[in-house]
Amino acid sequence: MRRVRRAARLCKADLLTGLVGEFPSLQGVVGRELARAAGEPEPVAAAIAEHYLPAGAEDALPATLEGSVLALADKLDVIVGCFSLGLLPSGSQDPYALRRNALGVLLIIEGRGLALRLSELLEAAREVARARGIECSDQAAAGIREFFRDRLYHAAIERGFRHDFVRAVLAVGCDDVRDFWARLGALGECAEQAWWPALVELVDRTYRIQRDVERVEPVRKELLREPLEKELAAALRASGSEIAAMFRDGDYVAAAQRYCSVFARLVHDFFEEVFVNVEDAALRVNRKSLCGAVYHLFARPFADLYLIETAEGGG
């Protein structure tokens, strides 16, 4: 990290030169050459040049770890500073290139395969800003999180992903950028499988029946009366842990297939034979909790498929 700190100290020095003033595209390049001429270590010189990367979706990423760290720090510093001061993009106007900086953060994390969470990076950047007398409020931080979410949405659309697929994956979260792209790619694979329509129906129906429940309560075994609700609860106990582990391991397509094979027919029969919205409040809550447990087993770690637009125009 000593080299990163040194590069951070020197990375903006070339902005004072007339050459960069006349040719702004040489920002960083001039800094690298000046660092080399001054005898700075090559990793320091390289990081100075790379900290502006990527300049766009198709631009190269920093090639070195030092350059990647410095690029992330610089971009986050600009974003946090501007949001703290209310200097936000408006329409097509983005004078501080916040959209480009946010996209750069996302591309570096993805491209370098960094195990970093956006929330952790944001908190670190807020601490740095606070030490300099700039307070990034919780409201501003929430705006930054939404800003990154919006950048991910647009990046995914530009890569050709369906907007409802992107929304379904974003609904679960995007703090882990690598996992967001993994889930989105896996969802596309699932959509090509023969069991896809059954999966969408399964998640959608279990979502809708319990969406008015504020908190899913543990299923009470003594309140299971109908044979099919007992069978559904038994299937959840028998296969839930296995499926959850597959999702945790990132084996999303296989986990989705297993989930569908266990629950699709069973849930269909359950809704055919069991009336959920009974007058008895305890039974009603228990049945909704059972459906909620089935729904959340899939939706919490992967995607909210109730947002998927079907051929009939649902979603």
Protein backbone atom coordinates (compact mmCIF):
# COMPACT_ATOMS: atom_id res chain seq x y z
CA MET A 1 0.00 0.00 0.00
CA ARG A 2 3.00 2.30 0.35
CA ARG A 3 3.21 2.56 -3.44
CA VAL A 4 -0.50 3.32 -3.69
CA ARG A 5 -0.14 6.14 -1.16
CA ARG A 6 2.82 7.54 -3.08
CA ALA A 7 0.91 7.38 -6.36
CA ALA A 8 -2.08 9.05 -4.69
CA ARG A 9 0.15 11.91 -3.57
CA LEU A 10 1.50 12.46 -7.08
CA CYS A 11 -1.38 11.48 -9.38
CA LYS A 12 -2.80 14.99 -9.91
CA ALA A 13 0.51 16.82 -10.13
CA ASP A 14 0.55 16.79 -13.94
CA LEU A 15 -2.63 18.89 -14.02
CA LEU A 16 -0.41 21.87 -13.24
CA THR A 17 1.54 21.45 -16.46
CA GLY A 18 0.82 23.44 -19.59
CA LEU A 19 0.93 20.26 -21.66
CA VAL A 20 -2.02 18.71 -19.88
CA GLY A 21 -3.80 22.05 -19.96
CA GLU A 22 -3.49 22.09 -23.74
CA PHE A 23 -4.08 18.35 -24.23
CA PRO A 24 -6.41 17.08 -21.48
CA SER A 25 -6.34 13.57 -22.93
CA LEU A 26 -2.75 13.32 -21.67
CA GLN A 27 -3.84 13.45 -18.02
CA GLY A 28 -2.07 10.65 -16.23
CA VAL A 29 0.17 9.90 -19.19
CA VAL A 30 2.21 13.01 -18.50
CA GLY A 31 2.13 12.19 -14.79
CA ARG A 32 3.52 8.73 -15.46
CA GLU A 33 6.40 10.06 -17.55
CA LEU A 34 7.22 12.73 -14.99
CA ALA A 35 7.24 10.10 -12.24
CA ARG A 36 9.56 7.91 -14.27
CA ALA A 37 11.87 10.85 -14.93
CA ALA A 38 11.92 11.62 -11.20
CA GLY A 39 12.98 8.05 -10.42
CA GLU A 40 9.73 6.86 -8.89
CA PRO A 41 9.20 3.06 -8.87
CA GLU A 42 7.43 1.75 -11.96
CA PRO A 43 4.33 0.59 -10.04
CA VAL A 44 3.90 4.17 -8.81
CA ALA A 45 4.30 5.59 -12.31
CA ALA A 46 1.90 3.03 -13.78
CA ALA A 47 -0.73 3.69 -11.11
CA ILE A 48 -0.60 7.43 -11.87
CA ALA A 49 -1.45 6.76 -15.51
CA GLU A 50 -4.03 4.08 -14.75
CA HIS A 51 -6.04 5.86 -12.10
CA TYR A 52 -8.15 7.62 -14.76
CA LEU A 53 -9.16 4.26 -16.27
CA PRO A 54 -11.62 3.19 -17.48
CA ALA A 55 -12.82 6.30 -19.27
CA GLY A 56 -15.85 4.46 -20.67
CA ALA A 57 -17.60 1.13 -21.02
CA GLU A 58 -15.24 -0.03 -23.77
CA ASP A 59 -12.06 1.41 -22.28
CA ALA A 60 -9.23 -0.65 -20.83
CA LEU A 61 -9.13 -1.31 -17.08
CA PRO A 62 -6.12 -0.58 -14.88
CA ALA A 63 -3.61 -3.34 -15.48
CA THR A 64 -1.98 -3.23 -12.05
CA LEU A 65 -3.39 -3.73 -8.58
CA GLU A 66 -1.95 -0.36 -7.50
CA GLY A 67 -3.67 1.33 -10.42
CA SER A 68 -6.96 -0.41 -9.65
CA VAL A 69 -6.89 0.63 -6.00
CA LEU A 70 -6.04 4.23 -6.86
CA ALA A 71 -8.69 4.38 -9.59
CA LEU A 72 -11.37 3.13 -7.19
CA ALA A 73 -10.30 5.60 -4.51
CA ASP A 74 -10.24 8.54 -6.91
CA LYS A 75 -13.64 7.78 -8.44
CA LEU A 76 -15.31 7.19 -5.10
CA ASP A 77 -13.78 10.38 -3.72
CA VAL A 78 -15.32 12.38 -6.57
CA ILE A 79 -18.73 10.70 -6.20
CA VAL A 80 -18.93 11.08 -2.42
CA GLY A 81 -17.68 14.65 -2.54
CA CYS A 82 -20.17 15.74 -5.18
CA PHE A 83 -23.15 14.00 -3.59
CA SER A 84 -22.21 15.49 -0.22
CA LEU A 85 -22.26 18.97 -1.74
CA GLY A 86 -25.38 18.42 -3.82
CA LEU A 87 -23.52 18.54 -7.14
CA LEU A 88 -25.61 15.88 -8.87
CA PRO A 89 -26.10 15.00 -12.54
CA SER A 90 -29.24 16.41 -14.09
CA GLY A 91 -30.66 15.03 -17.32
CA SER A 92 -27.87 14.97 -19.88
CA GLN A 93 -25.75 17.31 -17.76
CA ASP A 94 -22.99 15.60 -15.79
CA PRO A 95 -20.19 18.16 -15.45
CA TYR A 96 -18.26 16.12 -12.87
CA ALA A 97 -18.55 12.88 -14.85
CA LEU A 98 -20.21 11.07 -11.95
CA ARG A 99 -21.91 8.55 -14.22
CA ARG A 100 -18.59 7.69 -15.85
CA ASN A 101 -16.88 7.43 -12.47
CA ALA A 102 -19.59 5.14 -11.07
CA LEU A 103 -19.42 2.92 -14.14
CA GLY A 104 -15.65 2.82 -13.76
CA VAL A 105 -15.97 1.57 -10.18
CA LEU A 106 -18.35 -1.17 -11.29
CA LEU A 107 -16.18 -2.22 -14.23
CA ILE A 108 -13.02 -2.41 -12.13
CA ILE A 109 -14.68 -4.56 -9.45
CA GLU A 110 -16.10 -6.88 -12.10
CA GLY A 111 -13.12 -6.97 -14.43
CA ARG A 112 -10.51 -7.43 -11.73
CA GLY A 113 -12.68 -9.94 -9.86
CA LEU A 114 -12.37 -7.98 -6.62
CA ALA A 115 -14.17 -9.29 -3.52
CA LEU A 116 -15.40 -5.83 -2.59
CA ARG A 117 -18.86 -4.67 -1.60
CA LEU A 118 -20.17 -1.29 -2.68
CA SER A 119 -21.41 -0.56 0.83
CA GLU A 120 -17.94 -1.10 2.29
CA LEU A 121 -16.29 1.08 -0.34
CA LEU A 122 -18.87 3.81 0.23
CA GLU A 123 -18.34 3.80 3.99
CA ALA A 124 -14.57 4.01 3.53
CA ALA A 125 -14.98 6.96 1.16
CA ARG A 126 -17.34 8.67 3.61
CA GLU A 127 -14.75 8.32 6.37
CA VAL A 128 -12.11 9.93 4.18
CA ALA A 129 -14.47 12.78 3.30
CA ARG A 130 -15.40 13.25 6.96
CA ALA A 131 -11.73 13.50 7.92
CA ARG A 132 -11.45 16.37 5.45
CA GLY A 133 -14.44 18.21 6.88
CA ILE A 134 -16.99 17.04 4.29
CA GLU A 135 -19.99 15.28 5.80
CA CYS A 136 -21.70 12.75 3.56
CA SER A 137 -25.13 12.43 5.17
CA ASP A 138 -27.10 9.21 5.30
CA GLN A 139 -29.47 10.72 2.74
CA ALA A 140 -26.58 11.46 0.39
CA ALA A 141 -25.22 7.94 0.93
CA ALA A 142 -28.62 6.48 0.05
CA GLY A 143 -28.56 8.56 -3.10
CA ILE A 144 -25.14 7.18 -4.00
CA ARG A 145 -26.34 3.60 -3.52
CA GLU A 146 -29.32 4.28 -5.79
CA PHE A 147 -26.97 5.94 -8.28
CA PHE A 148 -24.81 2.81 -8.49
CA ARG A 149 -27.93 0.68 -8.83
CA ASP A 150 -29.05 2.84 -11.74
CA ARG A 151 -25.63 2.57 -13.40
CA LEU A 152 -25.75 -1.22 -13.10
CA TYR A 153 -29.22 -1.26 -14.63
CA HIS A 154 -28.10 0.77 -17.65
CA ALA A 155 -24.88 -1.22 -18.03
CA ALA A 156 -26.87 -4.47 -18.11
CA ILE A 157 -29.36 -3.09 -20.63
CA GLU A 158 -26.50 -1.97 -22.87
CA ARG A 159 -25.14 -5.53 -22.74
CA GLY A 160 -28.43 -6.80 -24.13
CA PHE A 161 -30.16 -8.14 -21.01
CA ARG A 162 -33.93 -7.88 -20.78
CA HIS A 163 -35.06 -5.02 -18.58
CA ASP A 164 -37.38 -7.21 -16.51
CA PHE A 165 -34.55 -9.69 -15.88
CA VAL A 166 -32.33 -6.85 -14.69
CA ARG A 167 -35.06 -5.52 -12.41
CA ALA A 168 -35.67 -8.99 -10.98
CA VAL A 169 -32.00 -9.42 -10.09
CA LEU A 170 -31.58 -5.87 -8.78
CA ALA A 171 -34.60 -6.38 -6.51
CA VAL A 172 -32.49 -8.86 -4.52
CA GLY A 173 -29.55 -6.44 -4.29
CA CYS A 174 -26.36 -5.42 -6.03
CA ASP A 175 -23.93 -4.77 -3.19
CA ASP A 176 -21.78 -7.62 -4.50
CA VAL A 177 -21.21 -6.55 -8.11
CA ARG A 178 -19.67 -9.85 -9.18
CA ASP A 179 -22.63 -11.75 -7.77
CA PHE A 180 -25.06 -9.41 -9.52
CA TRP A 181 -23.58 -10.30 -12.91
CA ALA A 182 -23.42 -13.99 -12.00
CA ARG A 183 -27.11 -14.02 -11.04
CA LEU A 184 -28.12 -12.07 -14.12
CA GLY A 185 -26.26 -14.44 -16.42
CA ALA A 186 -27.72 -17.46 -14.61
CA LEU A 187 -31.24 -16.06 -14.94
CA GLY A 188 -30.74 -15.83 -18.69
CA GLU A 189 -29.66 -19.47 -18.73
CA CYS A 190 -32.72 -20.47 -16.72
CA ALA A 191 -34.98 -18.72 -19.21
CA GLU A 192 -33.73 -21.06 -21.95
CA GLN A 193 -34.77 -24.19 -20.04
CA ALA A 194 -37.99 -26.14 -20.54
CA TRP A 195 -38.86 -25.71 -16.86
CA TRP A 196 -38.65 -21.90 -16.97
CA PRO A 197 -42.43 -21.20 -17.28
CA ALA A 198 -43.13 -23.47 -14.33
CA LEU A 199 -40.44 -21.72 -12.29
CA VAL A 200 -41.84 -18.26 -13.01
CA GLU A 201 -45.36 -19.39 -12.13
CA LEU A 202 -44.13 -21.02 -8.92
CA VAL A 203 -42.32 -17.92 -7.66
CA ASP A 204 -45.03 -15.54 -8.83
CA ARG A 205 -47.90 -17.44 -7.17
CA THR A 206 -46.14 -17.88 -3.85
CA TYR A 207 -45.20 -14.20 -3.88
CA ARG A 208 -48.71 -12.94 -4.58
CA ILE A 209 -50.47 -15.00 -1.90
CA GLN A 210 -48.22 -13.68 0.89
CA ARG A 211 -47.30 -10.19 -0.29
CA ASP A 212 -49.58 -8.54 2.27
CA VAL A 213 -47.70 -10.22 5.14
CA GLU A 214 -45.26 -7.86 6.82
CA ARG A 215 -43.05 -10.62 8.24
CA VAL A 216 -43.01 -14.32 7.43
CA GLU A 217 -43.56 -16.23 10.66
CA PRO A 218 -42.11 -19.72 11.27
CA VAL A 219 -44.47 -22.38 10.00
CA ARG A 220 -46.33 -23.99 12.91
CA LYS A 221 -46.54 -27.72 12.36
CA GLU A 222 -49.57 -28.12 14.64
CA LEU A 223 -51.59 -25.79 12.35
CA LEU A 224 -51.00 -27.87 9.22
CA ARG A 225 -54.39 -29.45 8.57
CA GLU A 226 -54.69 -30.34 4.89
CA PRO A 227 -52.68 -33.21 3.37
CA LEU A 228 -51.15 -30.99 0.67
CA GLU A 229 -50.00 -28.31 3.09
CA LYS A 230 -48.41 -31.01 5.20
CA GLU A 231 -46.72 -32.39 2.09
CA LEU A 232 -45.49 -28.93 1.06
CA ALA A 233 -44.10 -28.27 4.54
CA ALA A 234 -42.38 -31.66 4.53
CA ALA A 235 -40.78 -30.93 1.16
CA LEU A 236 -39.53 -27.61 2.49
CA ARG A 237 -37.96 -29.31 5.51
CA ALA A 238 -36.44 -32.08 3.39
CA SER A 239 -35.00 -29.99 0.55
CA GLY A 240 -34.82 -26.39 1.78
CA SER A 241 -31.36 -26.58 3.31
CA GLU A 242 -29.91 -28.35 0.27
CA ILE A 243 -31.33 -25.77 -2.15
CA ALA A 244 -30.23 -22.85 0.06
CA ALA A 245 -26.69 -24.24 0.13
CA MET A 246 -26.63 -24.48 -3.67
CA PHE A 247 -27.65 -20.83 -3.91
CA ARG A 248 -24.98 -19.81 -1.37
CA ASP A 249 -22.37 -21.63 -3.43
CA GLY A 250 -23.41 -19.62 -6.50
CA ASP A 251 -24.69 -22.68 -8.37
CA TYR A 252 -27.73 -20.69 -9.44
CA VAL A 253 -28.99 -22.62 -12.46
CA ALA A 254 -28.74 -26.01 -10.77
CA ALA A 255 -30.34 -24.59 -7.62
CA ALA A 256 -33.22 -23.10 -9.63
CA GLN A 257 -33.79 -26.40 -11.42
CA ARG A 258 -33.77 -28.31 -8.15
CA TYR A 259 -36.13 -25.79 -6.57
CA CYS A 260 -38.52 -26.07 -9.49
CA SER A 261 -38.44 -29.86 -9.53
CA VAL A 262 -39.27 -30.05 -5.82
CA PHE A 263 -41.95 -27.36 -5.56
CA ALA A 264 -43.58 -26.55 -8.93
CA ARG A 265 -46.12 -29.39 -9.11
CA LEU A 266 -46.58 -29.46 -5.36
CA VAL A 267 -47.39 -25.74 -5.13
CA HIS A 268 -49.75 -26.00 -8.11
CA ASP A 269 -51.67 -28.80 -6.39
CA PHE A 270 -51.58 -26.90 -3.10
CA PHE A 271 -53.36 -23.91 -4.63
CA GLU A 272 -55.87 -26.21 -6.31
CA GLU A 273 -56.80 -28.01 -3.10
CA VAL A 274 -56.05 -25.68 -0.18
CA PHE A 275 -57.88 -22.42 0.50
CA VAL A 276 -55.32 -20.04 1.98
CA ASN A 277 -57.45 -17.03 2.92
CA VAL A 278 -59.61 -18.81 5.48
CA GLU A 279 -61.42 -16.90 8.22
CA ASP A 280 -59.35 -18.53 10.95
CA ALA A 281 -56.53 -15.99 11.35
CA ALA A 282 -54.00 -18.48 12.72
CA LEU A 283 -54.54 -20.91 9.85
CA ARG A 284 -54.45 -18.10 7.31
CA VAL A 285 -51.18 -16.69 8.62
CA ASN A 286 -49.63 -20.14 8.81
CA ARG A 287 -50.52 -20.97 5.22
CA LYS A 288 -49.22 -17.65 4.00
CA SER A 289 -46.04 -18.19 5.99
CA LEU A 290 -45.62 -21.58 4.32
CA CYS A 291 -45.98 -19.99 0.89
CA GLY A 292 -43.66 -17.19 1.97
CA ALA A 293 -40.98 -19.65 3.02
CA VAL A 294 -41.14 -21.33 -0.39
CA TYR A 295 -41.02 -17.96 -2.14
CA HIS A 296 -38.11 -16.55 -0.11
CA LEU A 297 -36.07 -19.73 -0.53
CA PHE A 298 -35.66 -18.69 -4.16
CA ALA A 299 -36.17 -14.93 -4.19
CA ARG A 300 -33.84 -13.87 -1.39
CA PRO A 301 -30.63 -15.30 -2.86
CA PHE A 302 -31.38 -15.11 -6.60
CA ALA A 303 -34.09 -12.98 -8.23
CA ASP A 304 -37.67 -11.79 -7.75
CA LEU A 305 -39.43 -13.49 -10.63
CA TYR A 306 -42.75 -11.79 -9.96
CA LEU A 307 -41.17 -8.91 -11.90
CA ILE A 308 -40.75 -11.06 -15.02
CA GLU A 309 -43.00 -10.10 -17.90
CA THR A 310 -44.69 -13.18 -19.33
CA ALA A 311 -46.11 -13.67 -22.81
CA GLU A 312 -49.52 -12.79 -21.38
CA GLY A 313 -48.17 -9.42 -20.23
CA GLY A 314 -47.78 -10.28 -16.56
CA GLY A 315 -45.10 -9.06 -14.25
